[in-house]
PDB file of N, CA and C in Angstrom:
ATOM      1  N   MET A   1       0.746  -1.084  -0.166  1.00  0.00           N
ATOM      2  CA  MET A   1      -0.077  -0.037   0.096  1.00  0.00           C
ATOM      3  C   MET A   1       0.858   1.228  -0.038  1.00  0.00           C
ATOM      4  N   ARG A   2       0.565   2.298  -0.878  1.00  0.00           N
ATOM      5  CA  ARG A   2       1.552   3.401  -0.908  1.00  0.00           C
ATOM      6  C   ARG A   2       0.998   4.340   0.236  1.00  0.00           C
ATOM      7  N   PRO A   3       1.718   5.493   0.251  1.00  0.00           N
ATOM      8  CA  PRO A   3       1.195   6.578   1.180  1.00  0.00           C
ATOM      9  C   PRO A   3       0.157   7.047   0.742  1.00  0.00           C
ATOM     10  N   LEU A   4      -0.693   7.576   1.817  1.00  0.00           N
ATOM     11  CA  LEU A   4      -1.825   8.194   1.416  1.00  0.00           C
ATOM     12  C   LEU A   4      -1.682   9.551   0.248  1.00  0.00           C
ATOM     13  N   ASN A   5      -0.950  10.209   0.741  1.00  0.00           N
ATOM     14  CA  ASN A   5      -0.790  11.416   0.014  1.00  0.00           C
ATOM     15  C   ASN A   5      -0.255  10.932  -1.491  1.00  0.00           C
ATOM     16  N   TYR A   6       0.182  10.029  -1.599  1.00  0.00           N
ATOM     17  CA  TYR A   6       0.782   9.308  -3.193  1.00  0.00           C
ATOM     18  C   TYR A   6      -0.178   8.935  -3.753  1.00  0.00           C
ATOM     19  N   ALA A   7      -1.241   8.355  -2.970  1.00  0.00           N
ATOM     20  CA  ALA A   7      -2.533   7.801  -3.481  1.00  0.00           C
ATOM     21  C   ALA A   7      -3.423   8.753  -3.903  1.00  0.00           C
ATOM     22  N   ILE A   8      -3.297   9.977  -3.346  1.00  0.00           N
ATOM     23  CA  ILE A   8      -4.411  11.327  -3.780  1.00  0.00           C
ATOM     24  C   ILE A   8      -3.865  11.498  -5.255  1.00  0.00           C
ATOM     25  N   LEU A   9      -2.425  11.944  -5.188  1.00  0.00           N
ATOM     26  CA  LEU A   9      -2.181  12.151  -6.349  1.00  0.00           C
ATOM     27  C   LEU A   9      -2.064  11.474  -7.522  1.00  0.00           C
ATOM     28  N   LYS A  10      -1.886   9.933  -7.165  1.00  0.00           N
ATOM     29  CA  LYS A  10      -2.176   8.936  -8.000  1.00  0.00           C
ATOM     30  C   LYS A  10      -3.743   8.977  -8.795  1.00  0.00           C
ATOM     31  N   TYR A  11      -4.547   9.068  -7.696  1.00  0.00           N
ATOM     32  CA  TYR A  11      -5.859   9.411  -8.074  1.00  0.00           C
ATOM     33  C   TYR A  11      -6.316  10.212  -9.167  1.00  0.00           C
ATOM     34  N   PHE A  12      -5.554  11.220  -9.022  1.00  0.00           N
ATOM     35  CA  PHE A  12      -5.858  12.508 -10.204  1.00  0.00           C
ATOM     36  C   PHE A  12      -5.405  11.907 -11.554  1.00  0.00           C
ATOM     37  N   THR A  13      -4.460  11.044 -11.506  1.00  0.00           N
ATOM     38  CA  THR A  13      -3.922  10.754 -12.904  1.00  0.00           C
ATOM     39  C   THR A  13      -5.177   9.805 -13.760  1.00  0.00           C
ATOM     40  N   THR A  14      -6.074   9.279 -12.874  1.00  0.00           N
ATOM     41  CA  THR A  14      -7.237   8.427 -13.322  1.00  0.00           C
ATOM     42  C   THR A  14      -8.393   8.832 -13.620  1.00  0.00           C
ATOM     43  N   VAL A  15      -8.578  10.361 -13.244  1.00  0.00           N
ATOM     44  CA  VAL A  15      -9.827  10.998 -13.681  1.00  0.00           C
ATOM     45  C   VAL A  15      -9.783  12.223 -14.063  1.00  0.00           C
ATOM     46  N   LYS A  16     -10.831  12.732 -14.601  1.00  0.00           N
ATOM     47  CA  LYS A  16     -10.663  14.052 -15.570  1.00  0.00           C
ATOM     48  C   LYS A  16     -10.539  15.206 -14.827  1.00  0.00           C
ATOM     49  N   GLU A  17     -11.267  14.850 -13.445  1.00  0.00           N
ATOM     50  CA  GLU A  17     -11.228  15.996 -12.553  1.00  0.00           C
ATOM     51  C   GLU A  17     -11.887  15.487 -11.026  1.00  0.00           C
ATOM     52  N   ALA A  18     -11.471  16.034  -9.959  1.00  0.00           N
ATOM     53  CA  ALA A  18     -11.951  15.495  -8.735  1.00  0.00           C
ATOM     54  C   ALA A  18     -11.843  16.537  -7.751  1.00  0.00           C
ATOM     55  N   CYS A  19     -12.723  16.481  -6.749  1.00  0.00           N
ATOM     56  CA  CYS A  19     -12.763  17.373  -5.483  1.00  0.00           C
ATOM     57  C   CYS A  19     -12.176  16.607  -4.440  1.00  0.00           C
ATOM     58  N   ALA A  20     -12.178  17.287  -3.209  1.00  0.00           N
ATOM     59  CA  ALA A  20     -11.724  16.252  -2.088  1.00  0.00           C
ATOM     60  C   ALA A  20     -12.909  15.380  -1.955  1.00  0.00           C
ATOM     61  N   ASP A  21     -14.375  15.423  -1.717  1.00  0.00           N
ATOM     62  CA  ASP A  21     -15.138  14.686  -1.610  1.00  0.00           C
ATOM     63  C   ASP A  21     -14.906  13.271  -2.330  1.00  0.00           C
ATOM     64  N   ASP A  22     -14.270  13.697  -3.693  1.00  0.00           N
ATOM     65  CA  ASP A  22     -14.592  12.629  -4.445  1.00  0.00           C
ATOM     66  C   ASP A  22     -13.519  11.703  -4.134  1.00  0.00           C
ATOM     67  N   VAL A  23     -12.339  12.346  -3.820  1.00  0.00           N
ATOM     68  CA  VAL A  23     -11.200  11.478  -3.346  1.00  0.00           C
ATOM     69  C   VAL A  23     -11.374  10.854  -2.206  1.00  0.00           C
ATOM     70  N   ILE A  24     -11.861  11.105  -1.247  1.00  0.00           N
ATOM     71  CA  ILE A  24     -12.433  10.370   0.094  1.00  0.00           C
ATOM     72  C   ILE A  24     -13.319   9.175  -0.434  1.00  0.00           C
ATOM     73  N   GLU A  25     -14.053   9.690  -1.159  1.00  0.00           N
ATOM     74  CA  GLU A  25     -15.121   8.667  -1.357  1.00  0.00           C
ATOM     75  C   GLU A  25     -14.159   7.515  -2.406  1.00  0.00           C
ATOM     76  N   ALA A  26     -13.558   7.980  -3.207  1.00  0.00           N
ATOM     77  CA  ALA A  26     -12.716   6.790  -4.026  1.00  0.00           C
ATOM     78  C   ALA A  26     -11.674   6.157  -3.275  1.00  0.00           C
ATOM     79  N   LEU A  27     -11.316   6.679  -2.300  1.00  0.00           N
ATOM     80  CA  LEU A  27     -10.005   6.023  -1.452  1.00  0.00           C
ATOM     81  C   LEU A  27     -10.305   5.535   0.146  1.00  0.00           C
ATOM     82  N   LYS A  28     -11.941   5.849   0.495  1.00  0.00           N
ATOM     83  CA  LYS A  28     -12.107   4.973   1.957  1.00  0.00           C
ATOM     84  C   LYS A  28     -11.842   3.582   1.663  1.00  0.00           C
ATOM     85  N   GLY A  29     -12.209   2.931   0.735  1.00  0.00           N
ATOM     86  CA  GLY A  29     -12.341   1.576   0.583  1.00  0.00           C
ATOM     87  C   GLY A  29     -10.652   1.039   1.192  1.00  0.00           C
ATOM     88  N   GLN A  30      -9.695   1.286   1.043  1.00  0.00           N
ATOM     89  CA  GLN A  30      -8.474   1.116   1.160  1.00  0.00           C
ATOM     90  C   GLN A  30      -7.941   1.850   2.380  1.00  0.00           C
ATOM     91  N   TYR A  31      -8.417   3.335   2.424  1.00  0.00           N
ATOM     92  CA  TYR A  31      -7.434   4.290   3.287  1.00  0.00           C
ATOM     93  C   TYR A  31      -8.476   4.510   4.449  1.00  0.00           C
ATOM     94  N   GLY A  32      -9.757   4.161   4.464  1.00  0.00           N
ATOM     95  CA  GLY A  32     -10.581   4.411   5.313  1.00  0.00           C
ATOM     96  C   GLY A  32     -10.738   4.783   6.775  1.00  0.00           C
ATOM     97  N   SER A  33      -9.678   3.663   7.372  1.00  0.00           N
ATOM     98  CA  SER A  33      -9.529   3.998   8.675  1.00  0.00           C
ATOM     99  C   SER A  33      -8.015   5.130   9.214  1.00  0.00           C
ATOM    100  N   PHE A  34      -7.668   5.666   8.158  1.00  0.00           N
ATOM    101  CA  PHE A  34      -6.781   6.470   8.173  1.00  0.00           C
ATOM    102  C   PHE A  34      -7.147   7.757   8.650  1.00  0.00           C
ATOM    103  N   LYS A  35      -6.635   8.325   9.884  1.00  0.00           N
ATOM    104  CA  LYS A  35      -6.878   9.822   9.912  1.00  0.00           C
ATOM    105  C   LYS A  35      -6.620  10.818   9.191  1.00  0.00           C
ATOM    106  N   ALA A  36      -5.773  10.623   8.334  1.00  0.00           N
ATOM    107  CA  ALA A  36      -5.574  11.519   7.210  1.00  0.00           C
ATOM    108  C   ALA A  36      -6.593  11.736   6.392  1.00  0.00           C
ATOM    109  N   LEU A  37      -7.390  10.586   5.895  1.00  0.00           N
ATOM    110  CA  LEU A  37      -8.368  10.706   5.277  1.00  0.00           C
ATOM    111  C   LEU A  37      -9.775  11.500   5.438  1.00  0.00           C
ATOM    112  N   ARG A  38      -9.731  12.596   6.078  1.00  0.00           N
ATOM    113  CA  ARG A  38     -10.530  13.488   6.332  1.00  0.00           C
ATOM    114  C   ARG A  38     -10.654  14.641   5.467  1.00  0.00           C
ATOM    115  N   LYS A  39     -11.697  15.230   5.249  1.00  0.00           N
ATOM    116  CA  LYS A  39     -11.743  16.206   4.262  1.00  0.00           C
ATOM    117  C   LYS A  39     -10.572  17.687   4.517  1.00  0.00           C
ATOM    118  N   PRO A  40     -10.161  18.120   5.798  1.00  0.00           N
ATOM    119  CA  PRO A  40      -9.435  19.041   5.767  1.00  0.00           C
ATOM    120  C   PRO A  40      -7.707  18.569   5.480  1.00  0.00           C
ATOM    121  N   ALA A  41      -7.588  17.292   5.782  1.00  0.00           N
ATOM    122  CA  ALA A  41      -6.203  16.807   5.560  1.00  0.00           C
ATOM    123  C   ALA A  41      -6.037  16.722   3.949  1.00  0.00           C
ATOM    124  N   VAL A  42      -7.152  16.205   3.260  1.00  0.00           N
ATOM    125  CA  VAL A  42      -7.173  15.697   1.837  1.00  0.00           C
ATOM    126  C   VAL A  42      -6.988  17.201   1.121  1.00  0.00           C
ATOM    127  N   ILE A  43      -7.846  17.970   1.615  1.00  0.00           N
ATOM    128  CA  ILE A  43      -7.789  19.525   0.911  1.00  0.00           C
ATOM    129  C   ILE A  43      -6.285  19.890   1.104  1.00  0.00           C
ATOM    130  N   GLU A  44      -5.681  19.529   1.866  1.00  0.00           N
ATOM    131  CA  GLU A  44      -4.098  20.180   2.107  1.00  0.00           C
ATOM    132  C   GLU A  44      -3.232  19.524   1.043  1.00  0.00           C
ATOM    133  N   ALA A  45      -3.374  18.075   1.254  1.00  0.00           N
ATOM    134  CA  ALA A  45      -2.735  17.248   0.284  1.00  0.00           C
ATOM    135  C   ALA A  45      -2.970  17.850  -1.164  1.00  0.00           C
ATOM    136  N   ILE A  46      -4.261  17.931  -1.634  1.00  0.00           N
ATOM    137  CA  ILE A  46      -4.482  18.862  -2.975  1.00  0.00           C
ATOM    138  C   ILE A  46      -3.687  19.908  -3.099  1.00  0.00           C
ATOM    139  N   MET A  47      -3.825  20.698  -2.103  1.00  0.00           N
ATOM    140  CA  MET A  47      -3.383  22.172  -2.337  1.00  0.00           C
ATOM    141  C   MET A  47      -1.768  21.999  -2.393  1.00  0.00           C
ATOM    142  N   THR A  48      -1.147  20.998  -1.710  1.00  0.00           N
ATOM    143  CA  THR A  48       0.275  20.729  -1.806  1.00  0.00           C
ATOM    144  C   THR A  48       0.637  20.356  -3.066  1.00  0.00           C
ATOM    145  N   GLY A  49      -0.553  19.453  -3.735  1.00  0.00           N
ATOM    146  CA  GLY A  49       0.192  19.053  -5.016  1.00  0.00           C
ATOM    147  C   GLY A  49      -0.063  20.177  -5.984  1.00  0.00           C
ATOM    148  N   GLU A  50      -1.134  21.086  -6.149  1.00  0.00           N
ATOM    149  CA  GLU A  50      -1.188  22.295  -6.898  1.00  0.00           C
ATOM    150  C   GLU A  50       0.073  23.217  -6.561  1.00  0.00           C
ATOM    151  N   ALA A  51       0.342  23.397  -5.328  1.00  0.00           N
ATOM    152  CA  ALA A  51       1.640  24.151  -4.953  1.00  0.00           C
ATOM    153  C   ALA A  51       2.937  23.954  -5.734  1.00  0.00           C
ATOM    154  N   ASN A  52       3.263  22.521  -5.732  1.00  0.00           N
ATOM    155  CA  ASN A  52       4.192  21.882  -6.600  1.00  0.00           C
ATOM    156  C   ASN A  52       3.906  21.527  -7.973  1.00  0.00           C
ATOM    157  N   GLY A  53       3.005  22.420  -8.454  1.00  0.00           N
ATOM    158  CA  GLY A  53       2.930  22.185  -9.852  1.00  0.00           C
ATOM    159  C   GLY A  53       2.201  21.148 -10.473  1.00  0.00           C
ATOM    160  N   LEU A  54       1.663  20.223  -9.681  1.00  0.00           N
ATOM    161  CA  LEU A  54       1.284  18.717 -10.323  1.00  0.00           C
ATOM    162  C   LEU A  54      -0.295  18.803 -10.692  1.00  0.00           C
ATOM    163  N   LEU A  55      -1.022  19.744  -9.569  1.00  0.00           N
ATOM    164  CA  LEU A  55      -2.534  19.537 -10.163  1.00  0.00           C
ATOM    165  C   LEU A  55      -3.031  21.158 -10.016  1.00  0.00           C
ATOM    166  N   GLU A  56      -3.846  21.546 -10.823  1.00  0.00           N
ATOM    167  CA  GLU A  56      -4.666  22.658 -11.152  1.00  0.00           C
ATOM    168  C   GLU A  56      -5.812  22.636 -10.889  1.00  0.00           C
ATOM    169  N   GLU A  57      -6.553  23.923 -10.650  1.00  0.00           N
ATOM    170  CA  GLU A  57      -7.968  24.028 -10.197  1.00  0.00           C
ATOM    171  C   GLU A  57      -8.486  24.056 -11.327  1.00  0.00           C
ATOM    172  N   THR A  58      -9.825  23.346 -11.675  1.00  0.00           N
ATOM    173  CA  THR A  58     -10.523  23.717 -13.064  1.00  0.00           C
ATOM    174  C   THR A  58     -11.632  24.351 -13.008  1.00  0.00           C
ATOM    175  N   ARG A  59     -12.293  24.185 -11.730  1.00  0.00           N
ATOM    176  CA  ARG A  59     -13.503  24.775 -11.340  1.00  0.00           C
ATOM    177  C   ARG A  59     -14.240  24.793  -9.686  1.00  0.00           C
ATOM    178  N   TYR A  60     -15.234  25.315  -9.483  1.00  0.00           N
ATOM    179  CA  TYR A  60     -15.628  25.208  -8.233  1.00  0.00           C
ATOM    180  C   TYR A  60     -17.299  25.392  -8.268  1.00  0.00           C
ATOM    181  N   ASP A  61     -18.073  24.819  -7.110  1.00  0.00           N
ATOM    182  CA  ASP A  61     -19.446  25.042  -6.941  1.00  0.00           C
ATOM    183  C   ASP A  61     -19.730  24.808  -5.616  1.00  0.00           C
ATOM    184  N   LEU A  62     -20.619  24.820  -5.293  1.00  0.00           N
ATOM    185  CA  LEU A  62     -21.583  24.817  -3.708  1.00  0.00           C
ATOM    186  C   LEU A  62     -21.997  23.089  -3.801  1.00  0.00           C
ATOM    187  N   ASP A  63     -21.786  22.464  -2.855  1.00  0.00           N
ATOM    188  CA  ASP A  63     -22.383  21.096  -2.666  1.00  0.00           C
ATOM    189  C   ASP A  63     -23.874  21.502  -2.140  1.00  0.00           C
ATOM    190  N   PRO A  64     -24.568  20.268  -1.950  1.00  0.00           N
ATOM    191  CA  PRO A  64     -25.823  20.422  -1.495  1.00  0.00           C
ATOM    192  C   PRO A  64     -26.100  21.413   0.008  1.00  0.00           C
ATOM    193  N   LYS A  65     -24.985  20.886   0.825  1.00  0.00           N
ATOM    194  CA  LYS A  65     -25.094  21.622   2.147  1.00  0.00           C
ATOM    195  C   LYS A  65     -24.426  23.092   1.867  1.00  0.00           C
ATOM    196  N   GLY A  66     -24.404  23.808   0.784  1.00  0.00           N
ATOM    197  CA  GLY A  66     -23.765  24.944   0.763  1.00  0.00           C
ATOM    198  C   GLY A  66     -22.725  25.316   1.101  1.00  0.00           C
ATOM    199  N   GLU A  67     -21.289  24.228   0.797  1.00  0.00           N
ATOM    200  CA  GLU A  67     -20.195  24.211   1.254  1.00  0.00           C
ATOM    201  C   GLU A  67     -19.333  24.276  -0.285  1.00  0.00           C
ATOM    202  N   LEU A  68     -18.245  25.038  -0.209  1.00  0.00           N
ATOM    203  CA  LEU A  68     -17.927  25.395  -1.337  1.00  0.00           C
ATOM    204  C   LEU A  68     -16.606  23.886  -1.762  1.00  0.00           C
ATOM    205  N   ARG A  69     -16.881  23.562  -2.941  1.00  0.00           N
ATOM    206  CA  ARG A  69     -16.280  22.400  -3.351  1.00  0.00           C
ATOM    207  C   ARG A  69     -15.283  22.825  -4.676  1.00  0.00           C
ATOM    208  N   VAL A  70     -14.064  22.597  -4.517  1.00  0.00           N
ATOM    209  CA  VAL A  70     -12.896  23.215  -5.646  1.00  0.00           C
ATOM    210  C   VAL A  70     -12.528  21.789  -6.480  1.00  0.00           C
ATOM    211  N   TYR A  71     -12.726  21.810  -7.247  1.00  0.00           N
ATOM    212  CA  TYR A  71     -12.189  20.710  -8.209  1.00  0.00           C
ATOM    213  C   TYR A  71     -10.830  20.862  -8.839  1.00  0.00           C
ATOM    214  N   TYR A  72     -10.159  19.836  -9.059  1.00  0.00           N
ATOM    215  CA  TYR A  72      -8.601  20.245  -9.710  1.00  0.00           C
ATOM    216  C   TYR A  72      -8.384  18.752 -10.557  1.00  0.00           C
ATOM    217  N   HIS A  73      -7.608  18.780 -11.512  1.00  0.00           N
ATOM    218  CA  HIS A  73      -7.063  17.965 -12.211  1.00  0.00           C
ATOM    219  C   HIS A  73      -5.485  17.767 -12.493  1.00  0.00           C
ATOM    220  N   ALA A  74      -4.992  16.573 -12.849  1.00  0.00           N
ATOM    221  CA  ALA A  74      -3.521  16.687 -13.190  1.00  0.00           C
ATOM    222  C   ALA A  74      -3.536  16.780 -14.808  1.00  0.00           C
ATOM    223  N   HIS A  75      -2.585  18.086 -14.859  1.00  0.00           N
ATOM    224  CA  HIS A  75      -2.868  18.256 -16.261  1.00  0.00           C
ATOM    225  C   HIS A  75      -1.535  17.405 -16.936  1.00  0.00           C
ATOM    226  N   LYS A  76      -1.182  17.426 -18.387  1.00  0.00           N
ATOM    227  CA  LYS A  76      -0.432  16.624 -18.727  1.00  0.00           C
ATOM    228  C   LYS A  76       0.891  16.455 -18.171  1.00  0.00           C
ATOM    229  N   GLU A  77       1.643  17.344 -18.120  1.00  0.00           N
ATOM    230  CA  GLU A  77       2.886  17.288 -17.242  1.00  0.00           C
ATOM    231  C   GLU A  77       2.950  16.955 -15.879  1.00  0.00           C
ATOM    232  N   GLY A  78       1.853  17.141 -15.098  1.00  0.00           N
ATOM    233  CA  GLY A  78       1.964  16.991 -13.698  1.00  0.00           C
ATOM    234  C   GLY A  78       1.499  15.429 -13.546  1.00  0.00           C
ATOM    235  N   ALA A  79       0.430  14.981 -14.491  1.00  0.00           N
ATOM    236  CA  ALA A  79       0.152  13.188 -14.516  1.00  0.00           C
ATOM    237  C   ALA A  79       1.698  12.556 -14.632  1.00  0.00           C
ATOM    238  N   ASP A  80       2.463  13.296 -15.978  1.00  0.00           N
ATOM    239  CA  ASP A  80       3.498  12.409 -16.386  1.00  0.00           C
ATOM    240  C   ASP A  80       4.414  12.553 -15.002  1.00  0.00           C
ATOM    241  N   THR A  81       4.752  13.388 -14.209  1.00  0.00           N
ATOM    242  CA  THR A  81       5.131  13.467 -13.311  1.00  0.00           C
ATOM    243  C   THR A  81       5.162  12.465 -12.213  1.00  0.00           C
ATOM    244  N   ILE A  82       3.442  12.710 -11.693  1.00  0.00           N
ATOM    245  CA  ILE A  82       3.186  11.651 -10.929  1.00  0.00           C
ATOM    246  C   ILE A  82       3.393  10.383 -11.168  1.00  0.00           C
ATOM    247  N   ASN A  83       3.193  10.050 -12.515  1.00  0.00           N
ATOM    248  CA  ASN A  83       3.578   8.875 -12.944  1.00  0.00           C
ATOM    249  C   ASN A  83       4.923   7.912 -13.111  1.00  0.00           C
ATOM    250  N   THR A  84       5.711   8.969 -13.130  1.00  0.00           N
ATOM    251  CA  THR A  84       7.161   8.823 -13.397  1.00  0.00           C
ATOM    252  C   THR A  84       7.634   8.359 -11.704  1.00  0.00           C
ATOM    253  N   TYR A  85       7.149   9.214 -10.783  1.00  0.00           N
ATOM    254  CA  TYR A  85       7.842   8.814  -9.693  1.00  0.00           C
ATOM    255  C   TYR A  85       6.805   7.902  -8.612  1.00  0.00           C
ATOM    256  N   ILE A  86       5.450   7.943  -8.878  1.00  0.00           N
ATOM    257  CA  ILE A  86       4.469   6.926  -8.120  1.00  0.00           C
ATOM    258  C   ILE A  86       4.317   6.011  -9.037  1.00  0.00           C
ATOM    259  N   LYS A  87       4.678   4.919  -8.912  1.00  0.00           N
ATOM    260  CA  LYS A  87       4.265   3.635 -10.078  1.00  0.00           C
ATOM    261  C   LYS A  87       2.873   2.982  -9.628  1.00  0.00           C
TER     262      LYS A  87
END
């Protein structure tokens, strides 16, 4: 099993775009017991990927509860870098 932050980045190479809620839903089967698989920590991991140039923001909206959801994707260069370092 790869570290959670690696799994989060790798997930973005498999989808067109995703928000933190999508990441949590996708990874909860394998990482559901991890304390870091909570929305604030997942958002932090995603934003770290963005700050490092691996992910970029695509859009945003409000969820049914009125909370902001920000969507990201791994652009080609970011996906290539992620796939080079995370097999």
